[in-house]
Each structure stands twice: as structure tokens, then as C-alpha cells.
Amino acid sequence: MTFQQAYQQGRNLLQRAGVESPAYDTICLFRRAFGMDRQGLLLRGEEEAPPMQAKEFFRTIEERRSRRPLQYILGEWEFFGMRLIVGEGVLIPREETELLVYMAAELLGGHPAPLVADLCAGTGAVGLGLSRLRGDARVACLEWYEQAFSYLQKNLGRYGDGRVSAVQADITQADAAPELRNLNAVISNPPYIEASELPLLQKEVQAEPATALDGGSDGLDFYRAIAQVWLPRLKPGGIAAVEIGETQAEQVSALFRGVGLARIQVHQDFNGFDRVVSGVYRGE
């Protein structure tokens, strides 16, 4: 079997299985198995594919056909120029979440050496991304669930510079991480999907941990915890920025306004959907 034949057969299998982006997924798995990108495939397509590598390639194709997320098969995924380690038990970073990182960095412009809490940190994508834009920031990434916390630690080991730390804590509890006070910023991409919607999600999304998706009956449970537990830990003039579902801007804004957040703004992502709510804490 040639490289070209292997690629074409893999792509056809994914296409027939109804995978959303069969060509893209196939070339990603092809690169993983053979160490070859599209250009290499064009140049060497008629060469014979090594049998052991071909076997591994088709093994991963079968995993993808079963709707295991591509990112979990690859074992890492790009976010903010980083190759973050991912796998079962942790939320896969999304490109639209980069908006949260940019907005937090912009809002922190007047805060030298800020102390930041990144809540529901998962892989550490948001906190690590912010540290790349604000090298003087001290970022505490909080994650409660054991599997996700292990990925957080791995990614901090890969990209952390000593200013980003991992804290295992349940952010919904009033006594969580009591040392984190007088914060300059609270940032979060929390679970925000309504519980009733979880069974309706794409199969690949259902493969991600429900604990990273389930925001309770109305999708707002974690925003309530952020409002009640974490916004009061901000210094006056400190900032908050959270990712939201596209229909949640008004409700999240109201929750935050009720505990002293002012100058609230709603920011749209590159698709024009409401994606981030931010504001400045005026104090109680």
C-alpha cells in the first residue's frame, strides 16, 4: 500500500462514518503515524508505506470512526501557540477561548505584576495563555477534578515559568484556596451548558468530561459561585472576565452587577457570538 492509498482509504473511512472534517482529521492522523504532512504526501505519495506505521495509522482511523475526539487521539492540541497535552478527563481547548485570554490581558493593562485566579482551569490553557501575554503576572490555576488536574500539572511542567501554579480546589466552596485574596483578576471558562442539553451534544463533545460541561439546570451554577465566592476577593479596581454561552450575556451580567461589578462589557467572538463578559470590581 502506498502513502497515497493509505491516506485516501483513511479519508474515505472517516467520510463514510460521517466525521465532520474527514480530510483534516485524516491528514492529522497521517502526520502522527508517518511524520509526513501534505507536502510530503504530494512528494512521496507513490512510495510504499511502512507496514507497522500503516497499521498504527488505521488503528487511529478506527478510533476516530468511533467518534473519539481527534484531540484525544493526538494527545495534544494547539492553543495560543502552545501544544497542550490533552486526553480523556479534561476539556479540549477551543480557539474561541483565546478571546478570553486577550480580553483579560487588555483589561489588566494598568495592573503591574497582577495576581490572577484562573478558575476551572482544565488544561491550564487560559492561565498559561495569559502568562504569555503578561510575563509579570502571577497566575493560580484552580482545578478540582483529579484527571483534569493531572493534565494541568503536565502542561504547567511544559510551559510554566514558575509564575503559574496549580491549585487543586473546588471553586464553588467558600473556603476554597483561602490564600487567594486581594486579586487583581478573576478569569474563567467554566462549565456553562444546561444539563438538559448534554445528551443533545455532538458525540465528540459528549466524550469530554461532563464535569467540564455541565453548568446545572440553567447553565449558570458556576457563574453564581464566581459571583458569590470570587468577585468579593478582588481588590477594588480588579477585573473579572469569563467565557459564556452565546445566550447567557444578560444573565451573567446581572449576577456580576449584583455583587459590585461595574463597567460590564460583552465581547463577541470571531463568529459574532457573545463569548466573554468582563467588568471592573468597585468593591462592596
C-alpha atoms as a PDB file:
ATOM      1  CA  MET A   1       0.000   0.000   0.000  1.00  0.00           C
ATOM      2  CA  THR A   2       1.365   3.419  -0.954  1.00  0.00           C
ATOM      3  CA  PHE A   3       1.208   6.529   1.206  1.00  0.00           C
ATOM      4  CA  GLN A   4      -1.406   7.979  -1.146  1.00  0.00           C
ATOM      5  CA  GLN A   5      -3.541   4.848  -0.969  1.00  0.00           C
ATOM      6  CA  ALA A   6      -3.342   4.806   2.833  1.00  0.00           C
ATOM      7  CA  TYR A   7      -4.373   8.454   3.047  1.00  0.00           C
ATOM      8  CA  GLN A   8      -7.248   8.038   0.593  1.00  0.00           C
ATOM      9  CA  GLN A   9      -8.552   4.918   2.293  1.00  0.00           C
ATOM     10  CA  GLY A  10      -8.405   6.589   5.707  1.00  0.00           C
ATOM     11  CA  ARG A  11     -10.219   9.648   4.435  1.00  0.00           C
ATOM     12  CA  ASN A  12     -12.932   7.539   2.795  1.00  0.00           C
ATOM     13  CA  LEU A  13     -13.494   5.614   6.028  1.00  0.00           C
ATOM     14  CA  LEU A  14     -13.962   8.816   8.011  1.00  0.00           C
ATOM     15  CA  GLN A  15     -16.183  10.353   5.349  1.00  0.00           C
ATOM     16  CA  ARG A  16     -18.478   7.324   5.307  1.00  0.00           C
ATOM     17  CA  ALA A  17     -18.631   7.398   9.106  1.00  0.00           C
ATOM     18  CA  GLY A  18     -19.971  10.963   8.974  1.00  0.00           C
ATOM     19  CA  VAL A  19     -16.958  12.606  10.613  1.00  0.00           C
ATOM     20  CA  GLU A  20     -17.315  16.362  10.187  1.00  0.00           C
ATOM     21  CA  SER A  21     -13.877  17.168   8.696  1.00  0.00           C
ATOM     22  CA  PRO A  22     -12.591  13.911   7.194  1.00  0.00           C
ATOM     23  CA  ALA A  23      -9.753  15.414   5.133  1.00  0.00           C
ATOM     24  CA  TYR A  24      -8.378  17.476   8.017  1.00  0.00           C
ATOM     25  CA  ASP A  25      -8.672  14.663  10.544  1.00  0.00           C
ATOM     26  CA  THR A  26      -7.054  12.183   8.168  1.00  0.00           C
ATOM     27  CA  ILE A  27      -4.010  14.351   7.486  1.00  0.00           C
ATOM     28  CA  CYS A  28      -3.584  14.951  11.237  1.00  0.00           C
ATOM     29  CA  LEU A  29      -3.600  11.212  11.896  1.00  0.00           C
ATOM     30  CA  PHE A  30      -1.403  10.630   8.830  1.00  0.00           C
ATOM     31  CA  ARG A  31       1.169  13.073  10.186  1.00  0.00           C
ATOM     32  CA  ARG A  32       1.065  11.357  13.570  1.00  0.00           C
ATOM     33  CA  ALA A  33       1.671   7.896  12.078  1.00  0.00           C
ATOM     34  CA  PHE A  34       4.118   8.689   9.273  1.00  0.00           C
ATOM     35  CA  GLY A  35       5.652  12.019  10.296  1.00  0.00           C
ATOM     36  CA  MET A  36       4.558  13.423   6.955  1.00  0.00           C
ATOM     37  CA  ASP A  37       2.468  16.499   6.112  1.00  0.00           C
ATOM     38  CA  ARG A  38       0.504  17.292   2.942  1.00  0.00           C
ATOM     39  CA  GLN A  39       3.624  18.400   1.094  1.00  0.00           C
ATOM     40  CA  GLY A  40       5.370  15.152   1.964  1.00  0.00           C
ATOM     41  CA  LEU A  41       2.328  13.218   0.794  1.00  0.00           C
ATOM     42  CA  LEU A  42       2.442  15.029  -2.558  1.00  0.00           C
ATOM     43  CA  LEU A  43       6.147  14.327  -2.979  1.00  0.00           C
ATOM     44  CA  ARG A  44       6.193  10.737  -1.737  1.00  0.00           C
ATOM     45  CA  GLY A  45       2.646   9.568  -2.308  1.00  0.00           C
ATOM     46  CA  GLU A  46       3.615   6.697  -4.625  1.00  0.00           C
ATOM     47  CA  GLU A  47       6.158   5.243  -2.205  1.00  0.00           C
ATOM     48  CA  GLU A  48       5.283   2.184  -0.146  1.00  0.00           C
ATOM     49  CA  ALA A  49       4.059   2.961   3.364  1.00  0.00           C
ATOM     50  CA  PRO A  50       5.917   1.072   6.139  1.00  0.00           C
ATOM     51  CA  PRO A  51       3.544  -1.703   7.299  1.00  0.00           C
ATOM     52  CA  MET A  52       3.872  -1.055  11.046  1.00  0.00           C
ATOM     53  CA  GLN A  53       3.214   2.661  10.649  1.00  0.00           C
ATOM     54  CA  ALA A  54       0.298   1.922   8.322  1.00  0.00           C
ATOM     55  CA  LYS A  55      -1.174  -0.409  10.946  1.00  0.00           C
ATOM     56  CA  GLU A  56      -0.920   2.362  13.548  1.00  0.00           C
ATOM     57  CA  PHE A  57      -2.487   4.846  11.138  1.00  0.00           C
ATOM     58  CA  PHE A  58      -5.539   2.668  10.543  1.00  0.00           C
ATOM     59  CA  ARG A  59      -5.838   1.939  14.259  1.00  0.00           C
ATOM     60  CA  THR A  60      -6.248   5.674  14.888  1.00  0.00           C
ATOM     61  CA  ILE A  61      -8.645   5.957  11.942  1.00  0.00           C
ATOM     62  CA  GLU A  62     -10.836   3.346  13.635  1.00  0.00           C
ATOM     63  CA  GLU A  63     -10.719   5.314  16.880  1.00  0.00           C
ATOM     64  CA  ARG A  64     -11.825   8.417  15.027  1.00  0.00           C
ATOM     65  CA  ARG A  65     -14.590   6.491  13.266  1.00  0.00           C
ATOM     66  CA  SER A  66     -15.933   5.588  16.709  1.00  0.00           C
ATOM     67  CA  ARG A  67     -16.088   9.377  17.383  1.00  0.00           C
ATOM     68  CA  ARG A  68     -13.249   9.506  19.876  1.00  0.00           C
ATOM     69  CA  PRO A  69     -12.179  13.161  19.659  1.00  0.00           C
ATOM     70  CA  LEU A  70      -9.271  13.806  17.313  1.00  0.00           C
ATOM     71  CA  GLN A  71      -7.533  15.809  20.035  1.00  0.00           C
ATOM     72  CA  TYR A  72      -7.573  12.862  22.437  1.00  0.00           C
ATOM     73  CA  ILE A  73      -6.129  10.556  19.776  1.00  0.00           C
ATOM     74  CA  LEU A  74      -3.328  13.008  19.027  1.00  0.00           C
ATOM     75  CA  GLY A  75      -2.710  13.557  22.736  1.00  0.00           C
ATOM     76  CA  GLU A  76      -2.194  17.294  22.386  1.00  0.00           C
ATOM     77  CA  TRP A  77      -3.863  20.328  20.847  1.00  0.00           C
ATOM     78  CA  GLU A  78      -2.761  23.809  19.911  1.00  0.00           C
ATOM     79  CA  PHE A  79      -3.935  26.820  21.872  1.00  0.00           C
ATOM     80  CA  PHE A  80      -2.319  30.231  21.856  1.00  0.00           C
ATOM     81  CA  GLY A  81       0.807  28.886  20.175  1.00  0.00           C
ATOM     82  CA  MET A  82       1.193  26.075  22.730  1.00  0.00           C
ATOM     83  CA  ARG A  83       0.825  22.328  22.179  1.00  0.00           C
ATOM     84  CA  LEU A  84      -1.206  21.481  25.270  1.00  0.00           C
ATOM     85  CA  ILE A  85      -1.388  17.894  26.490  1.00  0.00           C
ATOM     86  CA  VAL A  86      -4.970  16.591  26.427  1.00  0.00           C
ATOM     87  CA  GLY A  87      -6.810  13.317  26.931  1.00  0.00           C
ATOM     88  CA  GLU A  88      -9.870  11.732  28.478  1.00  0.00           C
ATOM     89  CA  GLY A  89     -10.933  13.619  31.571  1.00  0.00           C
ATOM     90  CA  VAL A  90     -10.091  17.164  30.511  1.00  0.00           C
ATOM     91  CA  LEU A  91     -11.858  19.747  28.357  1.00  0.00           C
ATOM     92  CA  ILE A  92     -10.325  20.285  24.917  1.00  0.00           C
ATOM     93  CA  PRO A  93      -9.226  23.924  24.450  1.00  0.00           C
ATOM     94  CA  ARG A  94     -11.209  25.800  21.778  1.00  0.00           C
ATOM     95  CA  GLU A  95      -9.948  28.557  19.530  1.00  0.00           C
ATOM     96  CA  GLU A  96     -12.765  30.909  20.550  1.00  0.00           C
ATOM     97  CA  THR A  97     -11.500  30.815  24.145  1.00  0.00           C
ATOM     98  CA  GLU A  98      -8.431  32.772  23.018  1.00  0.00           C
ATOM     99  CA  LEU A  99     -10.692  35.851  23.122  1.00  0.00           C
ATOM    100  CA  LEU A 100     -10.924  35.440  26.905  1.00  0.00           C
ATOM    101  CA  VAL A 101      -7.121  35.497  27.156  1.00  0.00           C
ATOM    102  CA  TYR A 102      -6.786  38.618  25.010  1.00  0.00           C
ATOM    103  CA  MET A 103      -9.528  40.496  26.862  1.00  0.00           C
ATOM    104  CA  ALA A 104      -8.084  39.635  30.281  1.00  0.00           C
ATOM    105  CA  ALA A 105      -4.635  40.840  29.212  1.00  0.00           C
ATOM    106  CA  GLU A 106      -6.074  44.074  27.833  1.00  0.00           C
ATOM    107  CA  LEU A 107      -8.123  44.790  30.951  1.00  0.00           C
ATOM    108  CA  LEU A 108      -5.083  44.153  33.155  1.00  0.00           C
ATOM    109  CA  GLY A 109      -3.116  46.858  31.355  1.00  0.00           C
ATOM    110  CA  GLY A 110      -2.950  49.162  34.374  1.00  0.00           C
ATOM    111  CA  HIS A 111      -2.095  46.457  36.927  1.00  0.00           C
ATOM    112  CA  PRO A 112       1.645  45.837  37.428  1.00  0.00           C
ATOM    113  CA  ALA A 113       2.609  42.273  38.477  1.00  0.00           C
ATOM    114  CA  PRO A 114      -1.047  41.225  38.802  1.00  0.00           C
ATOM    115  CA  LEU A 115      -2.241  38.321  40.935  1.00  0.00           C
ATOM    116  CA  VAL A 116      -4.738  36.289  38.897  1.00  0.00           C
ATOM    117  CA  ALA A 117      -7.036  33.350  39.685  1.00  0.00           C
ATOM    118  CA  ASP A 118      -7.927  31.157  36.694  1.00  0.00           C
ATOM    119  CA  LEU A 119     -10.973  29.157  37.804  1.00  0.00           C
ATOM    120  CA  CYS A 120     -11.981  25.769  36.331  1.00  0.00           C
ATOM    121  CA  ALA A 121      -8.581  25.746  34.672  1.00  0.00           C
ATOM    122  CA  GLY A 122      -8.661  22.320  32.992  1.00  0.00           C
ATOM    123  CA  THR A 123      -5.554  22.057  30.809  1.00  0.00           C
ATOM    124  CA  GLY A 124      -4.368  25.456  32.030  1.00  0.00           C
ATOM    125  CA  ALA A 125      -4.978  26.951  28.589  1.00  0.00           C
ATOM    126  CA  VAL A 126      -6.340  30.294  29.789  1.00  0.00           C
ATOM    127  CA  GLY A 127      -3.886  30.867  32.619  1.00  0.00           C
ATOM    128  CA  LEU A 128      -0.874  29.824  30.546  1.00  0.00           C
ATOM    129  CA  GLY A 129      -2.077  31.933  27.630  1.00  0.00           C
ATOM    130  CA  LEU A 130      -2.376  34.973  29.872  1.00  0.00           C
ATOM    131  CA  SER A 131       1.107  34.401  31.268  1.00  0.00           C
ATOM    132  CA  ARG A 132       2.462  34.536  27.715  1.00  0.00           C
ATOM    133  CA  LEU A 133       0.983  37.998  27.241  1.00  0.00           C
ATOM    134  CA  ARG A 134       1.723  39.189  30.771  1.00  0.00           C
ATOM    135  CA  GLY A 135       5.058  37.737  31.820  1.00  0.00           C
ATOM    136  CA  ASP A 136       4.890  39.639  35.110  1.00  0.00           C
ATOM    137  CA  ALA A 137       1.570  38.064  36.150  1.00  0.00           C
ATOM    138  CA  ARG A 138       1.306  35.528  38.954  1.00  0.00           C
ATOM    139  CA  VAL A 139      -1.426  33.109  37.920  1.00  0.00           C
ATOM    140  CA  ALA A 140      -3.038  30.472  40.145  1.00  0.00           C
ATOM    141  CA  CYS A 141      -4.855  27.855  38.036  1.00  0.00           C
ATOM    142  CA  LEU A 142      -7.594  26.167  40.073  1.00  0.00           C
ATOM    143  CA  GLU A 143      -8.975  22.759  39.108  1.00  0.00           C
ATOM    144  CA  TRP A 144     -10.847  20.268  41.280  1.00  0.00           C
ATOM    145  CA  TYR A 145     -11.153  17.040  39.298  1.00  0.00           C
ATOM    146  CA  GLU A 146      -8.242  14.605  39.530  1.00  0.00           C
ATOM    147  CA  GLN A 147      -7.873  13.713  35.853  1.00  0.00           C
ATOM    148  CA  ALA A 148      -8.062  17.306  34.695  1.00  0.00           C
ATOM    149  CA  PHE A 149      -5.658  18.370  37.444  1.00  0.00           C
ATOM    150  CA  SER A 150      -3.072  15.867  36.200  1.00  0.00           C
ATOM    151  CA  TYR A 151      -3.208  17.442  32.724  1.00  0.00           C
ATOM    152  CA  LEU A 152      -2.937  20.887  34.279  1.00  0.00           C
ATOM    153  CA  GLN A 153       0.248  19.836  36.064  1.00  0.00           C
ATOM    154  CA  LYS A 154       1.702  18.341  32.881  1.00  0.00           C
ATOM    155  CA  ASN A 155       1.054  21.496  30.897  1.00  0.00           C
ATOM    156  CA  LEU A 156       2.486  23.713  33.603  1.00  0.00           C
ATOM    157  CA  GLY A 157       5.541  21.482  33.522  1.00  0.00           C
ATOM    158  CA  ARG A 158       5.784  22.029  29.774  1.00  0.00           C
ATOM    159  CA  TYR A 159       5.030  25.762  29.590  1.00  0.00           C
ATOM    160  CA  GLY A 160       5.034  27.195  33.108  1.00  0.00           C
ATOM    161  CA  ASP A 161       7.824  29.524  34.159  1.00  0.00           C
ATOM    162  CA  GLY A 162       7.362  29.456  37.915  1.00  0.00           C
ATOM    163  CA  ARG A 163       4.815  32.269  37.910  1.00  0.00           C
ATOM    164  CA  VAL A 164       1.930  29.924  37.065  1.00  0.00           C
ATOM    165  CA  SER A 165       0.846  27.477  39.772  1.00  0.00           C
ATOM    166  CA  ALA A 166      -1.656  24.618  40.000  1.00  0.00           C
ATOM    167  CA  VAL A 167      -4.105  24.586  42.908  1.00  0.00           C
ATOM    168  CA  GLN A 168      -6.499  21.672  43.435  1.00  0.00           C
ATOM    169  CA  ALA A 169      -9.651  23.228  44.841  1.00  0.00           C
ATOM    170  CA  ASP A 170     -13.426  23.201  44.394  1.00  0.00           C
ATOM    171  CA  ILE A 171     -14.116  26.771  43.325  1.00  0.00           C
ATOM    172  CA  THR A 172     -17.784  26.535  44.334  1.00  0.00           C
ATOM    173  CA  GLN A 173     -16.856  26.322  48.029  1.00  0.00           C
ATOM    174  CA  ALA A 174     -16.488  29.496  50.087  1.00  0.00           C
ATOM    175  CA  ASP A 175     -13.317  28.198  51.763  1.00  0.00           C
ATOM    176  CA  ALA A 176     -11.570  27.205  48.513  1.00  0.00           C
ATOM    177  CA  ALA A 177      -7.929  28.342  48.315  1.00  0.00           C
ATOM    178  CA  PRO A 178      -8.269  30.861  51.169  1.00  0.00           C
ATOM    179  CA  GLU A 179      -4.792  32.234  50.449  1.00  0.00           C
ATOM    180  CA  LEU A 180      -6.055  33.752  47.196  1.00  0.00           C
ATOM    181  CA  ARG A 181      -7.248  37.194  48.291  1.00  0.00           C
ATOM    182  CA  ASN A 182      -6.740  40.754  47.077  1.00  0.00           C
ATOM    183  CA  LEU A 183      -6.755  39.540  43.500  1.00  0.00           C
ATOM    184  CA  ASN A 184      -6.178  41.763  40.502  1.00  0.00           C
ATOM    185  CA  ALA A 185      -8.161  39.459  38.231  1.00  0.00           C
ATOM    186  CA  VAL A 186     -10.554  36.531  38.216  1.00  0.00           C
ATOM    187  CA  ILE A 187     -10.781  34.746  34.877  1.00  0.00           C
ATOM    188  CA  SER A 188     -12.648  31.583  33.970  1.00  0.00           C
ATOM    189  CA  ASN A 189     -14.011  29.369  31.242  1.00  0.00           C
ATOM    190  CA  PRO A 190     -16.439  27.468  33.497  1.00  0.00           C
ATOM    191  CA  PRO A 191     -18.964  24.745  32.639  1.00  0.00           C
ATOM    192  CA  TYR A 192     -21.971  26.574  31.195  1.00  0.00           C
ATOM    193  CA  ILE A 193     -24.120  24.106  29.252  1.00  0.00           C
ATOM    194  CA  GLU A 194     -27.599  23.406  30.620  1.00  0.00           C
ATOM    195  CA  ALA A 195     -27.817  19.860  31.991  1.00  0.00           C
ATOM    196  CA  SER A 196     -30.778  19.000  29.743  1.00  0.00           C
ATOM    197  CA  GLU A 197     -28.728  19.838  26.647  1.00  0.00           C
ATOM    198  CA  LEU A 198     -25.847  17.453  27.360  1.00  0.00           C
ATOM    199  CA  PRO A 199     -27.451  14.400  25.674  1.00  0.00           C
ATOM    200  CA  LEU A 200     -28.048  16.506  22.540  1.00  0.00           C
ATOM    201  CA  LEU A 201     -24.409  17.479  22.045  1.00  0.00           C
ATOM    202  CA  GLN A 202     -22.218  16.208  19.225  1.00  0.00           C
ATOM    203  CA  LYS A 203     -20.833  12.738  20.025  1.00  0.00           C
ATOM    204  CA  GLU A 204     -17.286  14.056  20.218  1.00  0.00           C
ATOM    205  CA  VAL A 205     -18.314  16.687  22.779  1.00  0.00           C
ATOM    206  CA  GLN A 206     -20.142  14.032  24.801  1.00  0.00           C
ATOM    207  CA  ALA A 207     -16.793  12.216  25.042  1.00  0.00           C
ATOM    208  CA  GLU A 208     -15.413  15.144  27.037  1.00  0.00           C
ATOM    209  CA  PRO A 209     -15.949  15.127  30.813  1.00  0.00           C
ATOM    210  CA  ALA A 210     -19.460  16.141  31.839  1.00  0.00           C
ATOM    211  CA  THR A 211     -17.898  17.894  34.825  1.00  0.00           C
ATOM    212  CA  ALA A 212     -16.307  20.371  32.398  1.00  0.00           C
ATOM    213  CA  LEU A 213     -19.564  20.989  30.516  1.00  0.00           C
ATOM    214  CA  ASP A 214     -22.492  20.758  32.954  1.00  0.00           C
ATOM    215  CA  GLY A 215     -23.462  24.173  34.287  1.00  0.00           C
ATOM    216  CA  GLY A 216     -26.555  22.924  36.120  1.00  0.00           C
ATOM    217  CA  SER A 217     -30.216  23.179  35.210  1.00  0.00           C
ATOM    218  CA  ASP A 218     -29.887  26.694  33.763  1.00  0.00           C
ATOM    219  CA  GLY A 219     -26.172  26.642  32.917  1.00  0.00           C
ATOM    220  CA  LEU A 220     -25.383  29.331  35.495  1.00  0.00           C
ATOM    221  CA  ASP A 221     -24.262  27.387  38.580  1.00  0.00           C
ATOM    222  CA  PHE A 222     -20.587  28.258  38.226  1.00  0.00           C
ATOM    223  CA  TYR A 223     -21.270  31.925  37.480  1.00  0.00           C
ATOM    224  CA  ARG A 224     -23.186  32.102  40.752  1.00  0.00           C
ATOM    225  CA  ALA A 225     -20.194  30.623  42.564  1.00  0.00           C
ATOM    226  CA  ILE A 226     -17.849  33.076  40.858  1.00  0.00           C
ATOM    227  CA  ALA A 227     -20.121  35.961  41.849  1.00  0.00           C
ATOM    228  CA  GLN A 228     -20.547  34.855  45.455  1.00  0.00           C
ATOM    229  CA  VAL A 229     -17.098  33.421  46.255  1.00  0.00           C
ATOM    230  CA  TRP A 230     -14.581  35.003  43.918  1.00  0.00           C
ATOM    231  CA  LEU A 231     -15.580  38.510  42.886  1.00  0.00           C
ATOM    232  CA  PRO A 232     -15.511  39.673  46.536  1.00  0.00           C
ATOM    233  CA  ARG A 233     -11.865  38.530  46.622  1.00  0.00           C
ATOM    234  CA  LEU A 234     -10.923  41.133  44.026  1.00  0.00           C
ATOM    235  CA  LYS A 235      -9.221  44.355  45.005  1.00  0.00           C
ATOM    236  CA  PRO A 236     -11.288  47.450  44.202  1.00  0.00           C
ATOM    237  CA  GLY A 237     -10.452  48.132  40.575  1.00  0.00           C
ATOM    238  CA  GLY A 238      -9.682  44.468  39.928  1.00  0.00           C
ATOM    239  CA  ILE A 239     -11.125  42.877  36.807  1.00  0.00           C
ATOM    240  CA  ALA A 240     -13.223  39.828  36.008  1.00  0.00           C
ATOM    241  CA  ALA A 241     -13.511  38.127  32.622  1.00  0.00           C
ATOM    242  CA  VAL A 242     -15.421  34.912  31.932  1.00  0.00           C
ATOM    243  CA  GLU A 243     -16.379  32.929  28.875  1.00  0.00           C
ATOM    244  CA  ILE A 244     -20.133  32.450  28.417  1.00  0.00           C
ATOM    245  CA  GLY A 245     -22.589  30.592  26.245  1.00  0.00           C
ATOM    246  CA  GLU A 246     -23.925  32.709  23.405  1.00  0.00           C
ATOM    247  CA  THR A 247     -27.308  33.348  25.094  1.00  0.00           C
ATOM    248  CA  GLN A 248     -26.056  33.990  28.639  1.00  0.00           C
ATOM    249  CA  ALA A 249     -24.651  37.534  28.495  1.00  0.00           C
ATOM    250  CA  GLU A 250     -27.617  39.263  30.126  1.00  0.00           C
ATOM    251  CA  GLN A 251     -27.973  36.760  32.972  1.00  0.00           C
ATOM    252  CA  VAL A 252     -24.257  36.614  33.777  1.00  0.00           C
ATOM    253  CA  SER A 253     -24.005  40.404  33.635  1.00  0.00           C
ATOM    254  CA  ALA A 254     -26.887  40.708  36.105  1.00  0.00           C
ATOM    255  CA  LEU A 255     -25.310  38.207  38.508  1.00  0.00           C
ATOM    256  CA  PHE A 256     -21.999  40.051  38.478  1.00  0.00           C
ATOM    257  CA  ARG A 257     -23.561  43.500  38.702  1.00  0.00           C
ATOM    258  CA  GLY A 258     -25.376  42.380  41.844  1.00  0.00           C
ATOM    259  CA  VAL A 259     -22.097  41.803  43.722  1.00  0.00           C
ATOM    260  CA  GLY A 260     -20.343  45.004  42.747  1.00  0.00           C
ATOM    261  CA  LEU A 261     -19.007  44.543  39.229  1.00  0.00           C
ATOM    262  CA  ALA A 262     -19.215  47.735  37.158  1.00  0.00           C
ATOM    263  CA  ARG A 263     -18.318  48.811  33.606  1.00  0.00           C
ATOM    264  CA  ILE A 264     -19.606  45.472  32.394  1.00  0.00           C
ATOM    265  CA  GLN A 265     -18.949  44.687  28.749  1.00  0.00           C
ATOM    266  CA  VAL A 266     -19.951  41.834  26.449  1.00  0.00           C
ATOM    267  CA  HIS A 267     -17.383  40.817  23.830  1.00  0.00           C
ATOM    268  CA  GLN A 268     -18.150  38.887  20.638  1.00  0.00           C
ATOM    269  CA  ASP A 269     -16.002  36.118  19.173  1.00  0.00           C
ATOM    270  CA  PHE A 270     -14.869  35.866  15.534  1.00  0.00           C
ATOM    271  CA  ASN A 271     -18.245  34.350  14.597  1.00  0.00           C
ATOM    272  CA  GLY A 272     -20.143  37.305  16.058  1.00  0.00           C
ATOM    273  CA  PHE A 273     -21.480  35.389  19.081  1.00  0.00           C
ATOM    274  CA  ASP A 274     -21.421  36.767  22.624  1.00  0.00           C
ATOM    275  CA  ARG A 275     -18.438  34.983  24.175  1.00  0.00           C
ATOM    276  CA  VAL A 276     -16.934  36.949  27.081  1.00  0.00           C
ATOM    277  CA  VAL A 277     -18.385  39.082  29.876  1.00  0.00           C
ATOM    278  CA  SER A 278     -15.955  41.396  31.654  1.00  0.00           C
ATOM    279  CA  GLY A 279     -16.089  44.136  34.241  1.00  0.00           C
ATOM    280  CA  VAL A 280     -14.278  46.071  36.960  1.00  0.00           C
ATOM    281  CA  TYR A 281     -14.892  45.437  40.652  1.00  0.00           C
ATOM    282  CA  ARG A 282     -15.873  48.574  42.512  1.00  0.00           C
ATOM    283  CA  GLY A 283     -15.936  46.929  45.947  1.00  0.00           C
ATOM    284  CA  GLU A 284     -18.809  46.133  48.271  1.00  0.00           C
END
